[in-house]
């Protein structure tokens, strides 16, 4: 059995990315890729809302389950965009030790 820690995200990403050219009749992930980025983003949004609903119900198990769905769909979006987890981890590492308020203020203003 694999270790249960944050590396599960890297392993899941590898599985998701490998499904990019798979048969959509046998892979939900391949089916999402086939429907395009709009559908992938829509599913990510739906899972985000479902996670919020579980949080508002104060349902720990529901939050955990919906968070897993949310992370899966986020990884599908990353793979569709050609974005590797290491790129996101680097962004997080660069922000480590920086106040969230300071980091947000340093971003370009629209």
C-alpha atoms as a PDB file:
ATOM      1  CA  UNK A   1       0.000   0.000   0.000  1.00  0.00           C
ATOM      2  CA  UNK A   2       1.204   3.520  -0.772  1.00  0.00           C
ATOM      3  CA  UNK A   3       1.997   5.962   1.972  1.00  0.00           C
ATOM      4  CA  UNK A   4      -0.863   8.213   2.929  1.00  0.00           C
ATOM      5  CA  UNK A   5       0.558  11.715   2.739  1.00  0.00           C
ATOM      6  CA  UNK A   6       0.678  14.657   0.354  1.00  0.00           C
ATOM      7  CA  UNK A   7       2.591  12.635  -2.255  1.00  0.00           C
ATOM      8  CA  UNK A   8      -0.742  11.023  -3.079  1.00  0.00           C
ATOM      9  CA  UNK A   9      -1.435  14.185  -5.111  1.00  0.00           C
ATOM     10  CA  UNK A  10       1.636  13.599  -7.266  1.00  0.00           C
ATOM     11  CA  UNK A  11       0.629   9.974  -7.821  1.00  0.00           C
ATOM     12  CA  UNK A  12      -2.942  10.969  -8.640  1.00  0.00           C
ATOM     13  CA  UNK A  13      -1.704  13.630 -11.065  1.00  0.00           C
ATOM     14  CA  UNK A  14       0.396  11.019 -12.880  1.00  0.00           C
ATOM     15  CA  UNK A  15      -2.675   8.785 -13.210  1.00  0.00           C
ATOM     16  CA  UNK A  16      -4.848  11.686 -14.387  1.00  0.00           C
ATOM     17  CA  UNK A  17      -2.277  12.820 -16.960  1.00  0.00           C
ATOM     18  CA  UNK A  18      -1.941   9.257 -18.265  1.00  0.00           C
ATOM     19  CA  UNK A  19      -5.687   9.165 -18.939  1.00  0.00           C
ATOM     20  CA  UNK A  20      -5.504  12.106 -21.348  1.00  0.00           C
ATOM     21  CA  UNK A  21      -5.611   9.900 -24.421  1.00  0.00           C
ATOM     22  CA  UNK A  22      -7.585   7.036 -22.902  1.00  0.00           C
ATOM     23  CA  UNK A  23     -10.954   5.693 -24.022  1.00  0.00           C
ATOM     24  CA  UNK A  24     -13.743   7.934 -22.663  1.00  0.00           C
ATOM     25  CA  UNK A  25     -16.028   4.884 -22.548  1.00  0.00           C
ATOM     26  CA  UNK A  26     -13.819   3.297 -19.899  1.00  0.00           C
ATOM     27  CA  UNK A  27     -12.369   6.340 -18.081  1.00  0.00           C
ATOM     28  CA  UNK A  28     -14.261   9.178 -16.396  1.00  0.00           C
ATOM     29  CA  UNK A  29     -11.075  11.243 -16.537  1.00  0.00           C
ATOM     30  CA  UNK A  30     -10.721  10.687 -20.291  1.00  0.00           C
ATOM     31  CA  UNK A  31     -14.374  11.654 -20.676  1.00  0.00           C
ATOM     32  CA  UNK A  32     -13.702  14.946 -18.870  1.00  0.00           C
ATOM     33  CA  UNK A  33     -10.700  15.666 -21.092  1.00  0.00           C
ATOM     34  CA  UNK A  34     -12.867  14.927 -24.129  1.00  0.00           C
ATOM     35  CA  UNK A  35     -15.473  17.477 -23.039  1.00  0.00           C
ATOM     36  CA  UNK A  36     -12.878  20.228 -22.834  1.00  0.00           C
ATOM     37  CA  UNK A  37     -11.666  22.800 -20.386  1.00  0.00           C
ATOM     38  CA  UNK A  38     -15.063  24.444 -19.935  1.00  0.00           C
ATOM     39  CA  UNK A  39     -16.589  21.234 -18.589  1.00  0.00           C
ATOM     40  CA  UNK A  40     -13.519  20.524 -16.455  1.00  0.00           C
ATOM     41  CA  UNK A  41     -13.743  24.024 -14.944  1.00  0.00           C
ATOM     42  CA  UNK A  42     -17.486  23.603 -14.399  1.00  0.00           C
ATOM     43  CA  UNK A  43     -16.910  20.345 -12.495  1.00  0.00           C
ATOM     44  CA  UNK A  44     -14.214  22.037 -10.408  1.00  0.00           C
ATOM     45  CA  UNK A  45     -16.679  24.791  -9.525  1.00  0.00           C
ATOM     46  CA  UNK A  46     -19.389  22.284  -8.622  1.00  0.00           C
ATOM     47  CA  UNK A  47     -17.033  20.388  -6.332  1.00  0.00           C
ATOM     48  CA  UNK A  48     -15.954  23.652  -4.724  1.00  0.00           C
ATOM     49  CA  UNK A  49     -19.564  24.540  -3.936  1.00  0.00           C
ATOM     50  CA  UNK A  50     -20.227  21.037  -2.591  1.00  0.00           C
ATOM     51  CA  UNK A  51     -17.190  21.384  -0.309  1.00  0.00           C
ATOM     52  CA  UNK A  52     -18.527  24.703   0.988  1.00  0.00           C
ATOM     53  CA  UNK A  53     -21.948  23.138   1.634  1.00  0.00           C
ATOM     54  CA  UNK A  54     -20.382  20.359   3.698  1.00  0.00           C
ATOM     55  CA  UNK A  55     -18.343  22.952   5.608  1.00  0.00           C
ATOM     56  CA  UNK A  56     -21.493  24.920   6.397  1.00  0.00           C
ATOM     57  CA  UNK A  57     -23.103  21.712   7.671  1.00  0.00           C
ATOM     58  CA  UNK A  58     -20.001  21.152   9.836  1.00  0.00           C
ATOM     59  CA  UNK A  59     -19.751  17.629   8.403  1.00  0.00           C
ATOM     60  CA  UNK A  60     -16.098  16.550   8.738  1.00  0.00           C
ATOM     61  CA  UNK A  61     -16.561  13.371   6.693  1.00  0.00           C
ATOM     62  CA  UNK A  62     -18.464  15.313   4.026  1.00  0.00           C
ATOM     63  CA  UNK A  63     -15.747  17.970   3.914  1.00  0.00           C
ATOM     64  CA  UNK A  64     -13.068  15.281   3.513  1.00  0.00           C
ATOM     65  CA  UNK A  65     -14.992  13.506   0.757  1.00  0.00           C
ATOM     66  CA  UNK A  66     -15.827  16.650  -1.189  1.00  0.00           C
ATOM     67  CA  UNK A  67     -12.272  17.946  -0.718  1.00  0.00           C
ATOM     68  CA  UNK A  68     -10.977  14.758  -2.341  1.00  0.00           C
ATOM     69  CA  UNK A  69     -13.347  15.341  -5.283  1.00  0.00           C
ATOM     70  CA  UNK A  70     -12.267  18.989  -5.467  1.00  0.00           C
ATOM     71  CA  UNK A  71      -8.572  18.102  -5.530  1.00  0.00           C
ATOM     72  CA  UNK A  72      -9.132  15.418  -8.180  1.00  0.00           C
ATOM     73  CA  UNK A  73     -10.931  17.874 -10.470  1.00  0.00           C
ATOM     74  CA  UNK A  74      -8.239  20.503  -9.830  1.00  0.00           C
ATOM     75  CA  UNK A  75      -5.609  17.989 -10.960  1.00  0.00           C
ATOM     76  CA  UNK A  76      -7.639  17.274 -14.095  1.00  0.00           C
ATOM     77  CA  UNK A  77      -7.646  21.015 -14.841  1.00  0.00           C
ATOM     78  CA  UNK A  78      -3.882  21.219 -14.265  1.00  0.00           C
ATOM     79  CA  UNK A  79      -3.263  18.271 -16.587  1.00  0.00           C
ATOM     80  CA  UNK A  80      -5.521  19.781 -19.240  1.00  0.00           C
ATOM     81  CA  UNK A  81      -3.564  23.038 -19.016  1.00  0.00           C
ATOM     82  CA  UNK A  82      -0.215  21.227 -19.101  1.00  0.00           C
ATOM     83  CA  UNK A  83       0.536  22.530 -15.611  1.00  0.00           C
ATOM     84  CA  UNK A  84       2.676  20.213 -13.489  1.00  0.00           C
ATOM     85  CA  UNK A  85       2.158  19.976  -9.717  1.00  0.00           C
ATOM     86  CA  UNK A  86       5.790  21.011  -9.163  1.00  0.00           C
ATOM     87  CA  UNK A  87       4.942  24.400 -10.681  1.00  0.00           C
ATOM     88  CA  UNK A  88       2.206  24.913  -8.084  1.00  0.00           C
ATOM     89  CA  UNK A  89       4.359  23.552  -5.261  1.00  0.00           C
ATOM     90  CA  UNK A  90       7.057  26.086  -6.267  1.00  0.00           C
ATOM     91  CA  UNK A  91       4.533  28.925  -6.031  1.00  0.00           C
ATOM     92  CA  UNK A  92       3.498  27.737  -2.567  1.00  0.00           C
ATOM     93  CA  UNK A  93       7.126  27.358  -1.455  1.00  0.00           C
ATOM     94  CA  UNK A  94       7.935  30.880  -2.662  1.00  0.00           C
ATOM     95  CA  UNK A  95       5.105  32.217  -0.512  1.00  0.00           C
ATOM     96  CA  UNK A  96       6.096  30.221   2.565  1.00  0.00           C
ATOM     97  CA  UNK A  97       6.851  32.486   5.492  1.00  0.00           C
ATOM     98  CA  UNK A  98       5.206  35.471   3.812  1.00  0.00           C
ATOM     99  CA  UNK A  99       2.113  37.011   5.318  1.00  0.00           C
ATOM    100  CA  UNK A 100      -0.947  36.351   3.175  1.00  0.00           C
ATOM    101  CA  UNK A 101      -1.729  40.061   3.289  1.00  0.00           C
ATOM    102  CA  UNK A 102       1.783  40.955   2.105  1.00  0.00           C
ATOM    103  CA  UNK A 103       1.703  38.334  -0.661  1.00  0.00           C
ATOM    104  CA  UNK A 104      -1.689  39.495  -1.895  1.00  0.00           C
ATOM    105  CA  UNK A 105      -0.569  43.146  -1.905  1.00  0.00           C
ATOM    106  CA  UNK A 106       2.480  42.224  -3.997  1.00  0.00           C
ATOM    107  CA  UNK A 107       0.338  40.886  -6.861  1.00  0.00           C
ATOM    108  CA  UNK A 108      -0.389  43.112  -9.826  1.00  0.00           C
ATOM    109  CA  UNK A 109      -3.567  45.117  -9.403  1.00  0.00           C
ATOM    110  CA  UNK A 110      -6.214  44.816 -12.138  1.00  0.00           C
END
